[in-house]
Every structure is written in C-alpha cells, then in structure tokens.
Amino acid sequence: MRKFSLLAVAAAAAMGAGTASAAIDFEGVATGTYSSVTDGGVTFEFIAGTGLFDVVDASPGSPISGHSLISYFQNGGDGAFKASMAGGFSSFTIGCGDFAPSDDDECHLNAYDAAGGLLDSDVFYQPEGHPGGGGSMTVCSATPIAYVTFNEVGTFPGAVYWDNADFTPAVPEPQTYALFGLGLAGLAAVARRRQPK
C-alpha cells in the first residue's frame, strides 16, 4: 500500500509540474519603438492607430520600474495592448502606473477566449494627484484565455506605463504529460504485482 501511495503522490505532483507562473519585466527588451515585442513567450502588440508603441526606461514607482511599455507617445488616445501566447493563459497579471500627474488613471485588463468572448476583467483606478506608481490587475479563467487586452481611459488615455506582467500557461508543458504517464505506468505495475496468482 505504501508504494501505491507514493506513486499516487508522484502522479499528482507531475500534474502540477510545468504550469508554474512566469514573470516578464521587459528588462531584456531594448528601449525603442516597436510594432510587437515577444518576451517570455508572450507577444505584446498595440491594436489601434499605427500599431506602434514604445519600450522606455521609466520608474514612477511600484509596480513600474525600469523598462516598460507605453503607447501614448506613438498613439495618444484610445487604444489597447494585446498579449497572447501559444496555448493561452489560465491567469495573467500586469502592472499599470504613472508619475505623479494632475490627471486620473483608469486601467483595464480583459481576458478573452479563442472566439473573442469575454472571460474575466479587472480595473485599477488611481485618482488625480497620486504620489506616483500604480497597481496591478489580474484575470483568470478555467477556460483557456486566448489573449488579454489592457488599456487606460483616464483624462489622457494611454498616458500610463505597463510593466511586471505575470502569467500561468493554460496548457501544461510536454514534460508534464510525460511525468504523468510515468506515474500511471508505475501505478499499473504495482496493481499488476499485487494481483493474486
């Protein structure tokens, strides 16, 4: 019975392996103007206007520090970033912030399925005259998130910085299936050996 329990625990652990969250801080992306950036397997695009955005070095306060994304200098006004990766996400978090401005910041994060249906959303609101920095938003879903969009609709739409994304892949990595298969094979072997002759 002890061997069976150990194999069951190993199989359960294998199911949890390979789906750990990953962080993206854009520090490995050179500053400049882009039409898309891929970091940590996630592709970021700006889906309005000219489609261009900047990676800048800005540190207005937590959660924004070092390299971050901003659309305002290339496409001031309404518009959203889109983030996607092969296999999708089960959760996605990103920080939104600004230097201490005289305007408010209203940041939105939305998660969509492959058909474009809204799965989850989150909002961060920072009032006028804040001390700098911002907050994080998170979306999650049992249905795989095909992509997320994030945008800011305050007094000066798009005039915020985006940084420190964190995500959990929706589809387990191949080694997860391999470990799970080994666990099942071990369970079958133990069961076979325990059968009366």
Foldseek 3Di string as FASTA:
>chain_A
DVLLVVLVVLLVVLLVPQFDKDKFFCQPPDWDKDLWDADPQKIKWWDDDPGIWTFDQDPQDPPHGGTWIFRCVPDWDDTKMKIFGVQAFQKKKKFKWFHQAQWKKKKKKWFAAPVRHTFDIDIWIGGHRDHIYGGMDMDGDLHGGGMMIMWIHIPTTRRITMGIMMTTGNDGDPSSVVSSVVSVVSSVVVVVVPDDD
